[in-house]
């Protein structure tokens, strides 16, 4: 019988050849398999949540650093522009006087 099974080593689904066991599979055995599968799912979701939180924290850190650098750059440009405007005004007044 061909079934698809998840390989935990290579972390992907594979087709595997399985033989039907001569033994009877109990509901208790199936319930344990489902419980194990659910627990693995919970662990994966927890890991993904932690990873998401790390990404958000890194994003916020980079955003704050860039925000501070851009604010500093804006201040520098505004100060330079202010000095240029003052010089232009001064030159305009001098040429208007003469």
PDB file of N, CA and C in Angstrom:
ATOM      1  N   UNK A   1       0.853  -1.162   0.000  1.00  0.00           N
ATOM      2  CA  UNK A   1       0.000   0.000   0.000  1.00  0.00           C
ATOM      3  C   UNK A   1       0.908   1.236   0.000  1.00  0.00           C
ATOM      4  N   UNK A   2       0.620   2.225  -0.853  1.00  0.00           N
ATOM      5  CA  UNK A   2       1.399   3.469  -0.897  1.00  0.00           C
ATOM      6  C   UNK A   2       0.693   4.525  -0.061  1.00  0.00           C
ATOM      7  N   UNK A   3       1.431   5.138   0.834  1.00  0.00           N
ATOM      8  CA  UNK A   3       0.906   6.210   1.666  1.00  0.00           C
ATOM      9  C   UNK A   3       1.871   7.380   1.634  1.00  0.00           C
ATOM     10  N   UNK A   4       1.350   8.574   1.926  1.00  0.00           N
ATOM     11  CA  UNK A   4       2.220   9.734   2.067  1.00  0.00           C
ATOM     12  C   UNK A   4       2.505   9.893   3.549  1.00  0.00           C
ATOM     13  N   UNK A   5       3.775  10.061   3.877  1.00  0.00           N
ATOM     14  CA  UNK A   5       4.160  10.228   5.268  1.00  0.00           C
ATOM     15  C   UNK A   5       5.126  11.388   5.402  1.00  0.00           C
ATOM     16  N   UNK A   6       5.109  12.018   6.551  1.00  0.00           N
ATOM     17  CA  UNK A   6       5.997  13.159   6.804  1.00  0.00           C
ATOM     18  C   UNK A   6       7.296  12.644   7.392  1.00  0.00           C
ATOM     19  N   UNK A   7       8.385  12.984   6.757  1.00  0.00           N
ATOM     20  CA  UNK A   7       9.709  12.583   7.230  1.00  0.00           C
ATOM     21  C   UNK A   7      10.251  13.700   8.110  1.00  0.00           C
ATOM     22  N   UNK A   8      10.460  13.406   9.392  1.00  0.00           N
ATOM     23  CA  UNK A   8      10.948  14.441  10.306  1.00  0.00           C
ATOM     24  C   UNK A   8      12.413  14.768  10.072  1.00  0.00           C
ATOM     25  N   UNK A   9      13.157  13.864   9.462  1.00  0.00           N
ATOM     26  CA  UNK A   9      14.580  14.111   9.203  1.00  0.00           C
ATOM     27  C   UNK A   9      14.769  15.111   8.060  1.00  0.00           C
ATOM     28  N   UNK A  10      14.054  14.901   6.958  1.00  0.00           N
ATOM     29  CA  UNK A  10      14.219  15.809   5.811  1.00  0.00           C
ATOM     30  C   UNK A  10      13.121  16.872   5.778  1.00  0.00           C
ATOM     31  N   UNK A  11      12.175  16.795   6.708  1.00  0.00           N
ATOM     32  CA  UNK A  11      11.100  17.772   6.859  1.00  0.00           C
ATOM     33  C   UNK A  11      10.293  17.993   5.584  1.00  0.00           C
ATOM     34  N   UNK A  12       9.850  16.908   5.008  1.00  0.00           N
ATOM     35  CA  UNK A  12       8.962  16.989   3.860  1.00  0.00           C
ATOM     36  C   UNK A  12       8.173  15.691   3.759  1.00  0.00           C
ATOM     37  N   UNK A  13       7.128  15.750   2.955  1.00  0.00           N
ATOM     38  CA  UNK A  13       6.298  14.576   2.775  1.00  0.00           C
ATOM     39  C   UNK A  13       6.918  13.657   1.733  1.00  0.00           C
ATOM     40  N   UNK A  14       6.837  12.385   1.996  1.00  0.00           N
ATOM     41  CA  UNK A  14       7.370  11.392   1.076  1.00  0.00           C
ATOM     42  C   UNK A  14       6.322  10.299   0.883  1.00  0.00           C
ATOM     43  N   UNK A  15       6.387   9.671  -0.274  1.00  0.00           N
ATOM     44  CA  UNK A  15       5.560   8.488  -0.479  1.00  0.00           C
ATOM     45  C   UNK A  15       6.344   7.302   0.069  1.00  0.00           C
ATOM     46  N   UNK A  16       5.689   6.523   0.844  1.00  0.00           N
ATOM     47  CA  UNK A  16       6.353   5.370   1.433  1.00  0.00           C
ATOM     48  C   UNK A  16       5.539   4.110   1.165  1.00  0.00           C
ATOM     49  N   UNK A  17       6.242   3.021   0.954  1.00  0.00           N
ATOM     50  CA  UNK A  17       5.597   1.725   0.747  1.00  0.00           C
ATOM     51  C   UNK A  17       5.375   1.110   2.117  1.00  0.00           C
ATOM     52  N   UNK A  18       4.143   0.785   2.413  1.00  0.00           N
ATOM     53  CA  UNK A  18       3.837   0.184   3.704  1.00  0.00           C
ATOM     54  C   UNK A  18       3.084  -1.111   3.474  1.00  0.00           C
ATOM     55  N   UNK A  19       3.359  -2.019   4.322  1.00  0.00           N
ATOM     56  CA  UNK A  19       2.607  -3.273   4.263  1.00  0.00           C
ATOM     57  C   UNK A  19       1.544  -3.252   5.337  1.00  0.00           C
ATOM     58  N   UNK A  20       0.447  -3.860   5.061  1.00  0.00           N
ATOM     59  CA  UNK A  20      -0.629  -3.923   6.041  1.00  0.00           C
ATOM     60  C   UNK A  20      -0.234  -4.938   7.105  1.00  0.00           C
ATOM     61  N   UNK A  21      -0.289  -4.476   8.334  1.00  0.00           N
ATOM     62  CA  UNK A  21       0.096  -5.356   9.436  1.00  0.00           C
ATOM     63  C   UNK A  21      -0.981  -6.406   9.667  1.00  0.00           C
ATOM     64  N   UNK A  22      -0.538  -7.516  10.113  1.00  0.00           N
ATOM     65  CA  UNK A  22      -1.473  -8.587  10.443  1.00  0.00           C
ATOM     66  C   UNK A  22      -2.201  -8.270  11.744  1.00  0.00           C
ATOM     67  N   UNK A  23      -1.638  -7.336  12.515  1.00  0.00           N
ATOM     68  CA  UNK A  23      -2.217  -6.993  13.813  1.00  0.00           C
ATOM     69  C   UNK A  23      -3.358  -6.007  13.632  1.00  0.00           C
ATOM     70  N   UNK A  24      -4.235  -5.997  14.590  1.00  0.00           N
ATOM     71  CA  UNK A  24      -5.349  -5.057  14.600  1.00  0.00           C
ATOM     72  C   UNK A  24      -4.866  -3.755  15.214  1.00  0.00           C
ATOM     73  N   UNK A  25      -5.211  -2.646  14.586  1.00  0.00           N
ATOM     74  CA  UNK A  25      -4.851  -1.331  15.113  1.00  0.00           C
ATOM     75  C   UNK A  25      -5.995  -0.864  15.998  1.00  0.00           C
ATOM     76  N   UNK A  26      -5.655  -0.501  17.221  1.00  0.00           N
ATOM     77  CA  UNK A  26      -6.696  -0.099  18.165  1.00  0.00           C
ATOM     78  C   UNK A  26      -6.978   1.383  18.076  1.00  0.00           C
ATOM     79  N   UNK A  27      -8.147   1.773  18.543  1.00  0.00           N
ATOM     80  CA  UNK A  27      -8.495   3.194  18.604  1.00  0.00           C
ATOM     81  C   UNK A  27      -7.560   3.937  19.553  1.00  0.00           C
ATOM     82  N   UNK A  28      -7.132   3.265  20.608  1.00  0.00           N
ATOM     83  CA  UNK A  28      -6.202   3.885  21.559  1.00  0.00           C
ATOM     84  C   UNK A  28      -4.891   4.235  20.867  1.00  0.00           C
ATOM     85  N   UNK A  29      -4.398   3.340  20.026  1.00  0.00           N
ATOM     86  CA  UNK A  29      -3.166   3.602  19.279  1.00  0.00           C
ATOM     87  C   UNK A  29      -3.354   4.799  18.340  1.00  0.00           C
ATOM     88  N   UNK A  30      -4.472   4.809  17.626  1.00  0.00           N
ATOM     89  CA  UNK A  30      -4.751   5.929  16.723  1.00  0.00           C
ATOM     90  C   UNK A  30      -4.898   7.240  17.494  1.00  0.00           C
ATOM     91  N   UNK A  31      -5.536   7.189  18.661  1.00  0.00           N
ATOM     92  CA  UNK A  31      -5.701   8.389  19.486  1.00  0.00           C
ATOM     93  C   UNK A  31      -4.347   8.920  19.932  1.00  0.00           C
ATOM     94  N   UNK A  32      -3.433   8.024  20.285  1.00  0.00           N
ATOM     95  CA  UNK A  32      -2.086   8.453  20.687  1.00  0.00           C
ATOM     96  C   UNK A  32      -1.347   9.106  19.521  1.00  0.00           C
ATOM     97  N   UNK A  33      -1.518   8.540  18.326  1.00  0.00           N
ATOM     98  CA  UNK A  33      -0.897   9.151  17.149  1.00  0.00           C
ATOM     99  C   UNK A  33      -1.438  10.544  16.892  1.00  0.00           C
ATOM    100  N   UNK A  34      -2.742  10.699  17.028  1.00  0.00           N
ATOM    101  CA  UNK A  34      -3.360  12.014  16.818  1.00  0.00           C
ATOM    102  C   UNK A  34      -2.881  12.995  17.879  1.00  0.00           C
ATOM    103  N   UNK A  35      -2.814  12.548  19.128  1.00  0.00           N
ATOM    104  CA  UNK A  35      -2.330  13.419  20.203  1.00  0.00           C
ATOM    105  C   UNK A  35      -0.896  13.865  19.939  1.00  0.00           C
ATOM    106  N   UNK A  36      -0.072  12.941  19.504  1.00  0.00           N
ATOM    107  CA  UNK A  36       1.320  13.278  19.193  1.00  0.00           C
ATOM    108  C   UNK A  36       1.380  14.289  18.049  1.00  0.00           C
ATOM    109  N   UNK A  37       0.565  14.056  17.046  1.00  0.00           N
ATOM    110  CA  UNK A  37       0.526  14.970  15.902  1.00  0.00           C
ATOM    111  C   UNK A  37       0.058  16.360  16.319  1.00  0.00           C
ATOM    112  N   UNK A  38      -0.971  16.416  17.163  1.00  0.00           N
ATOM    113  CA  UNK A  38      -1.456  17.706  17.651  1.00  0.00           C
ATOM    114  C   UNK A  38      -0.404  18.432  18.474  1.00  0.00           C
ATOM    115  N   UNK A  39       0.308  17.687  19.312  1.00  0.00           N
ATOM    116  CA  UNK A  39       1.367  18.295  20.132  1.00  0.00           C
ATOM    117  C   UNK A  39       2.492  18.839  19.257  1.00  0.00           C
ATOM    118  N   UNK A  40       2.859  18.092  18.222  1.00  0.00           N
ATOM    119  CA  UNK A  40       3.884  18.584  17.299  1.00  0.00           C
ATOM    120  C   UNK A  40       3.413  19.855  16.608  1.00  0.00           C
ATOM    121  N   UNK A  41       2.128  19.888  16.245  1.00  0.00           N
ATOM    122  CA  UNK A  41       1.565  21.090  15.626  1.00  0.00           C
ATOM    123  C   UNK A  41       1.628  22.282  16.568  1.00  0.00           C
ATOM    124  N   UNK A  42       1.305  22.050  17.830  1.00  0.00           N
ATOM    125  CA  UNK A  42       1.381  23.136  18.827  1.00  0.00           C
ATOM    126  C   UNK A  42       2.817  23.646  18.963  1.00  0.00           C
ATOM    127  N   UNK A  43       3.758  22.709  19.007  1.00  0.00           N
ATOM    128  CA  UNK A  43       5.162  23.108  19.133  1.00  0.00           C
ATOM    129  C   UNK A  43       5.618  23.910  17.915  1.00  0.00           C
ATOM    130  N   UNK A  44       5.176  23.510  16.736  1.00  0.00           N
ATOM    131  CA  UNK A  44       5.532  24.262  15.526  1.00  0.00           C
ATOM    132  C   UNK A  44       4.924  25.663  15.556  1.00  0.00           C
ATOM    133  N   UNK A  45       3.680  25.775  16.003  1.00  0.00           N
ATOM    134  CA  UNK A  45       3.037  27.096  16.086  1.00  0.00           C
ATOM    135  C   UNK A  45       3.754  27.996  17.094  1.00  0.00           C
ATOM    136  N   UNK A  46       4.160  27.414  18.227  1.00  0.00           N
ATOM    137  CA  UNK A  46       4.905  28.193  19.228  1.00  0.00           C
ATOM    138  C   UNK A  46       6.229  28.682  18.653  1.00  0.00           C
ATOM    139  N   UNK A  47       6.915  27.794  17.937  1.00  0.00           N
ATOM    140  CA  UNK A  47       8.196  28.175  17.329  1.00  0.00           C
ATOM    141  C   UNK A  47       7.988  29.276  16.294  1.00  0.00           C
ATOM    142  N   UNK A  48       6.932  29.165  15.501  1.00  0.00           N
ATOM    143  CA  UNK A  48       6.650  30.189  14.488  1.00  0.00           C
ATOM    144  C   UNK A  48       6.294  31.518  15.150  1.00  0.00           C
ATOM    145  N   UNK A  49       5.566  31.482  16.257  1.00  0.00           N
ATOM    146  CA  UNK A  49       5.224  32.711  16.973  1.00  0.00           C
ATOM    147  C   UNK A  49       6.485  33.383  17.508  1.00  0.00           C
ATOM    148  N   UNK A  50       7.394  32.592  18.069  1.00  0.00           N
ATOM    149  CA  UNK A  50       8.657  33.165  18.570  1.00  0.00           C
ATOM    150  C   UNK A  50       9.460  33.779  17.429  1.00  0.00           C
ATOM    151  N   UNK A  51       9.496  33.090  16.296  1.00  0.00           N
ATOM    152  CA  UNK A  51      10.210  33.607  15.133  1.00  0.00           C
ATOM    153  C   UNK A  51       9.584  34.912  14.650  1.00  0.00           C
ATOM    154  N   UNK A  52       8.264  34.954  14.615  1.00  0.00           N
ATOM    155  CA  UNK A  52       7.559  36.177  14.207  1.00  0.00           C
ATOM    156  C   UNK A  52       7.875  37.324  15.166  1.00  0.00           C
ATOM    157  N   UNK A  53       7.881  37.035  16.471  1.00  0.00           N
ATOM    158  CA  UNK A  53       8.188  38.069  17.461  1.00  0.00           C
ATOM    159  C   UNK A  53       9.607  38.596  17.279  1.00  0.00           C
ATOM    160  N   UNK A  54      10.551  37.718  16.973  1.00  0.00           N
ATOM    161  CA  UNK A  54      11.927  38.154  16.719  1.00  0.00           C
ATOM    162  C   UNK A  54      12.004  39.055  15.492  1.00  0.00           C
ATOM    163  N   UNK A  55      11.284  38.683  14.436  1.00  0.00           N
ATOM    164  CA  UNK A  55      11.292  39.493  13.216  1.00  0.00           C
ATOM    165  C   UNK A  55      10.686  40.872  13.475  1.00  0.00           C
ATOM    166  N   UNK A  56       9.596  40.912  14.217  1.00  0.00           N
ATOM    167  CA  UNK A  56       8.955  42.190  14.531  1.00  0.00           C
ATOM    168  C   UNK A  56       9.892  43.056  15.373  1.00  0.00           C
ATOM    169  N   UNK A  57      10.565  42.449  16.336  1.00  0.00           N
ATOM    170  CA  UNK A  57      11.508  43.203  17.178  1.00  0.00           C
ATOM    171  C   UNK A  57      12.655  43.759  16.345  1.00  0.00           C
ATOM    172  N   UNK A  58      13.185  42.942  15.426  1.00  0.00           N
ATOM    173  CA  UNK A  58      14.264  43.427  14.559  1.00  0.00           C
ATOM    174  C   UNK A  58      13.766  44.557  13.666  1.00  0.00           C
ATOM    175  N   UNK A  59      12.569  44.411  13.131  1.00  0.00           N
ATOM    176  CA  UNK A  59      11.987  45.452  12.279  1.00  0.00           C
ATOM    177  C   UNK A  59      11.849  46.757  13.054  1.00  0.00           C
ATOM    178  N   UNK A  60      11.313  46.669  14.269  1.00  0.00           N
ATOM    179  CA  UNK A  60      11.125  47.877  15.087  1.00  0.00           C
ATOM    180  C   UNK A  60      12.468  48.532  15.406  1.00  0.00           C
ATOM    181  N   UNK A  61      13.481  47.724  15.715  1.00  0.00           N
ATOM    182  CA  UNK A  61      14.811  48.266  16.013  1.00  0.00           C
ATOM    183  C   UNK A  61      15.380  49.005  14.805  1.00  0.00           C
ATOM    184  N   UNK A  62      15.310  48.364  13.641  1.00  0.00           N
ATOM    185  CA  UNK A  62      15.828  49.000  12.419  1.00  0.00           C
ATOM    186  C   UNK A  62      15.044  50.264  12.104  1.00  0.00           C
ATOM    187  N   UNK A  63      13.732  50.200  12.283  1.00  0.00           N
ATOM    188  CA  UNK A  63      12.876  51.369  12.017  1.00  0.00           C
ATOM    189  C   UNK A  63      13.259  52.541  12.927  1.00  0.00           C
ATOM    190  N   UNK A  64      13.515  52.251  14.201  1.00  0.00           N
ATOM    191  CA  UNK A  64      13.900  53.323  15.125  1.00  0.00           C
ATOM    192  C   UNK A  64      15.263  53.900  14.747  1.00  0.00           C
ATOM    193  N   UNK A  65      16.213  53.031  14.415  1.00  0.00           N
ATOM    194  CA  UNK A  65      17.547  53.513  14.040  1.00  0.00           C
ATOM    195  C   UNK A  65      17.484  54.368  12.782  1.00  0.00           C
ATOM    196  N   UNK A  66      16.745  53.907  11.788  1.00  0.00           N
ATOM    197  CA  UNK A  66      16.609  54.693  10.554  1.00  0.00           C
ATOM    198  C   UNK A  66      15.858  55.989  10.805  1.00  0.00           C
ATOM    199  N   UNK A  67      14.828  55.921  11.639  1.00  0.00           N
ATOM    200  CA  UNK A  67      14.065  57.130  11.957  1.00  0.00           C
ATOM    201  C   UNK A  67      14.944  58.194  12.595  1.00  0.00           C
ATOM    202  N   UNK A  68      15.795  57.767  13.535  1.00  0.00           N
ATOM    203  CA  UNK A  68      16.700  58.721  14.187  1.00  0.00           C
ATOM    204  C   UNK A  68      17.706  59.294  13.208  1.00  0.00           C
ATOM    205  N   UNK A  69      18.259  58.442  12.363  1.00  0.00           N
ATOM    206  CA  UNK A  69      19.239  58.909  11.377  1.00  0.00           C
ATOM    207  C   UNK A  69      18.596  59.858  10.381  1.00  0.00           C
ATOM    208  N   UNK A  70      17.386  59.547   9.941  1.00  0.00           N
ATOM    209  CA  UNK A  70      16.702  60.426   8.979  1.00  0.00           C
ATOM    210  C   UNK A  70      16.319  61.761   9.617  1.00  0.00           C
ATOM    211  N   UNK A  71      15.904  61.723  10.882  1.00  0.00           N
ATOM    212  CA  UNK A  71      15.574  62.980  11.573  1.00  0.00           C
ATOM    213  C   UNK A  71      16.819  63.847  11.699  1.00  0.00           C
ATOM    214  N   UNK A  72      17.953  63.233  12.009  1.00  0.00           N
ATOM    215  CA  UNK A  72      19.208  63.969  12.107  1.00  0.00           C
ATOM    216  C   UNK A  72      19.594  64.558  10.752  1.00  0.00           C
ATOM    217  N   UNK A  73      19.415  63.771   9.700  1.00  0.00           N
ATOM    218  CA  UNK A  73      19.730  64.241   8.359  1.00  0.00           C
ATOM    219  C   UNK A  73      18.821  65.408   7.969  1.00  0.00           C
ATOM    220  N   UNK A  74      17.552  65.302   8.315  1.00  0.00           N
ATOM    221  CA  UNK A  74      16.596  66.372   8.008  1.00  0.00           C
ATOM    222  C   UNK A  74      16.990  67.663   8.727  1.00  0.00           C
ATOM    223  N   UNK A  75      17.378  67.563   9.987  1.00  0.00           N
ATOM    224  CA  UNK A  75      17.812  68.740  10.747  1.00  0.00           C
ATOM    225  C   UNK A  75      19.026  69.377  10.104  1.00  0.00           C
ATOM    226  N   UNK A  76      19.985  68.550   9.711  1.00  0.00           N
ATOM    227  CA  UNK A  76      21.197  69.055   9.062  1.00  0.00           C
ATOM    228  C   UNK A  76      20.856  69.778   7.765  1.00  0.00           C
ATOM    229  N   UNK A  77      19.991  69.185   6.959  1.00  0.00           N
ATOM    230  CA  UNK A  77      19.596  69.810   5.684  1.00  0.00           C
ATOM    231  C   UNK A  77      18.854  71.114   5.935  1.00  0.00           C
ATOM    232  N   UNK A  78      17.936  71.108   6.894  1.00  0.00           N
ATOM    233  CA  UNK A  78      17.186  72.332   7.193  1.00  0.00           C
ATOM    234  C   UNK A  78      18.109  73.440   7.679  1.00  0.00           C
ATOM    235  N   UNK A  79      19.088  73.097   8.514  1.00  0.00           N
ATOM    236  CA  UNK A  79      20.042  74.111   8.992  1.00  0.00           C
ATOM    237  C   UNK A  79      20.876  74.663   7.836  1.00  0.00           C
ATOM    238  N   UNK A  80      21.334  73.780   6.964  1.00  0.00           N
ATOM    239  CA  UNK A  80      22.111  74.232   5.803  1.00  0.00           C
ATOM    240  C   UNK A  80      21.256  75.107   4.893  1.00  0.00           C
ATOM    241  N   UNK A  81      20.035  74.695   4.664  1.00  0.00           N
ATOM    242  CA  UNK A  81      19.128  75.469   3.817  1.00  0.00           C
ATOM    243  C   UNK A  81      18.850  76.840   4.440  1.00  0.00           C
ATOM    244  N   UNK A  82      18.711  76.864   5.756  1.00  0.00           N
ATOM    245  CA  UNK A  82      18.494  78.142   6.442  1.00  0.00           C
ATOM    246  C   UNK A  82      19.666  79.099   6.234  1.00  0.00           C
ATOM    247  N   UNK A  83      20.902  78.569   6.329  1.00  0.00           N
ATOM    248  CA  UNK A  83      22.080  79.406   6.105  1.00  0.00           C
ATOM    249  C   UNK A  83      22.131  79.905   4.659  1.00  0.00           C
ATOM    250  N   UNK A  84      21.782  79.034   3.716  1.00  0.00           N
ATOM    251  CA  UNK A  84      21.777  79.433   2.298  1.00  0.00           C
ATOM    252  C   UNK A  84      20.740  80.520   2.058  1.00  0.00           C
ATOM    253  N   UNK A  85      19.543  80.338   2.634  1.00  0.00           N
ATOM    254  CA  UNK A  85      18.493  81.356   2.474  1.00  0.00           C
ATOM    255  C   UNK A  85      18.929  82.690   3.075  1.00  0.00           C
ATOM    256  N   UNK A  86      19.592  82.632   4.233  1.00  0.00           N
ATOM    257  CA  UNK A  86      20.091  83.868   4.854  1.00  0.00           C
ATOM    258  C   UNK A  86      21.093  84.573   3.946  1.00  0.00           C
ATOM    259  N   UNK A  87      22.007  83.823   3.340  1.00  0.00           N
ATOM    260  CA  UNK A  87      23.008  84.407   2.427  1.00  0.00           C
ATOM    261  C   UNK A  87      22.321  85.024   1.209  1.00  0.00           C
ATOM    262  N   UNK A  88      21.343  84.300   0.657  1.00  0.00           N
ATOM    263  CA  UNK A  88      20.625  84.821  -0.519  1.00  0.00           C
ATOM    264  C   UNK A  88      19.901  86.109  -0.152  1.00  0.00           C
ATOM    265  N   UNK A  89      19.241  86.131   0.984  1.00  0.00           N
ATOM    266  CA  UNK A  89      18.556  87.350   1.430  1.00  0.00           C
ATOM    267  C   UNK A  89      19.542  88.502   1.623  1.00  0.00           C
ATOM    268  N   UNK A  90      20.681  88.173   2.224  1.00  0.00           N
ATOM    269  CA  UNK A  90      21.708  89.204   2.442  1.00  0.00           C
ATOM    270  C   UNK A  90      22.206  89.765   1.111  1.00  0.00           C
ATOM    271  N   UNK A  91      22.490  88.874   0.163  1.00  0.00           N
ATOM    272  CA  UNK A  91      22.951  89.322  -1.158  1.00  0.00           C
ATOM    273  C   UNK A  91      21.864  90.125  -1.877  1.00  0.00           C
ATOM    274  N   UNK A  92      20.629  89.725  -1.732  1.00  0.00           N
ATOM    275  CA  UNK A  92      19.530  90.451  -2.368  1.00  0.00           C
ATOM    276  C   UNK A  92      19.414  91.854  -1.771  1.00  0.00           C
ATOM    277  N   UNK A  93      19.559  91.982  -0.449  1.00  0.00           N
ATOM    278  CA  UNK A  93      19.483  93.311   0.189  1.00  0.00           C
ATOM    279  C   UNK A  93      20.647  94.189  -0.266  1.00  0.00           C
ATOM    280  N   UNK A  94      21.862  93.586  -0.349  1.00  0.00           N
ATOM    281  CA  UNK A  94      23.020  94.368  -0.762  1.00  0.00           C
ATOM    282  C   UNK A  94      22.850  94.847  -2.201  1.00  0.00           C
ATOM    283  N   UNK A  95      22.369  93.987  -3.065  1.00  0.00           N
ATOM    284  CA  UNK A  95      22.224  94.406  -4.464  1.00  0.00           C
ATOM    285  C   UNK A  95      21.075  95.373  -4.609  1.00  0.00           C
ATOM    286  N   UNK A  96      20.081  95.341  -3.786  1.00  0.00           N
ATOM    287  CA  UNK A  96      18.948  96.255  -3.835  1.00  0.00           C
ATOM    288  C   UNK A  96      19.378  97.643  -3.347  1.00  0.00           C
ATOM    289  N   UNK A  97      20.296  97.650  -2.369  1.00  0.00           N
ATOM    290  CA  UNK A  97      20.782  98.934  -1.831  1.00  0.00           C
ATOM    291  C   UNK A  97      21.605  99.656  -2.856  1.00  0.00           C
ATOM    292  N   UNK A  98      22.410  98.982  -3.600  1.00  0.00           N
ATOM    293  CA  UNK A  98      23.290  99.649  -4.561  1.00  0.00           C
ATOM    294  C   UNK A  98      22.544  99.997  -5.763  1.00  0.00           C
TER     295      UNK A  98
END
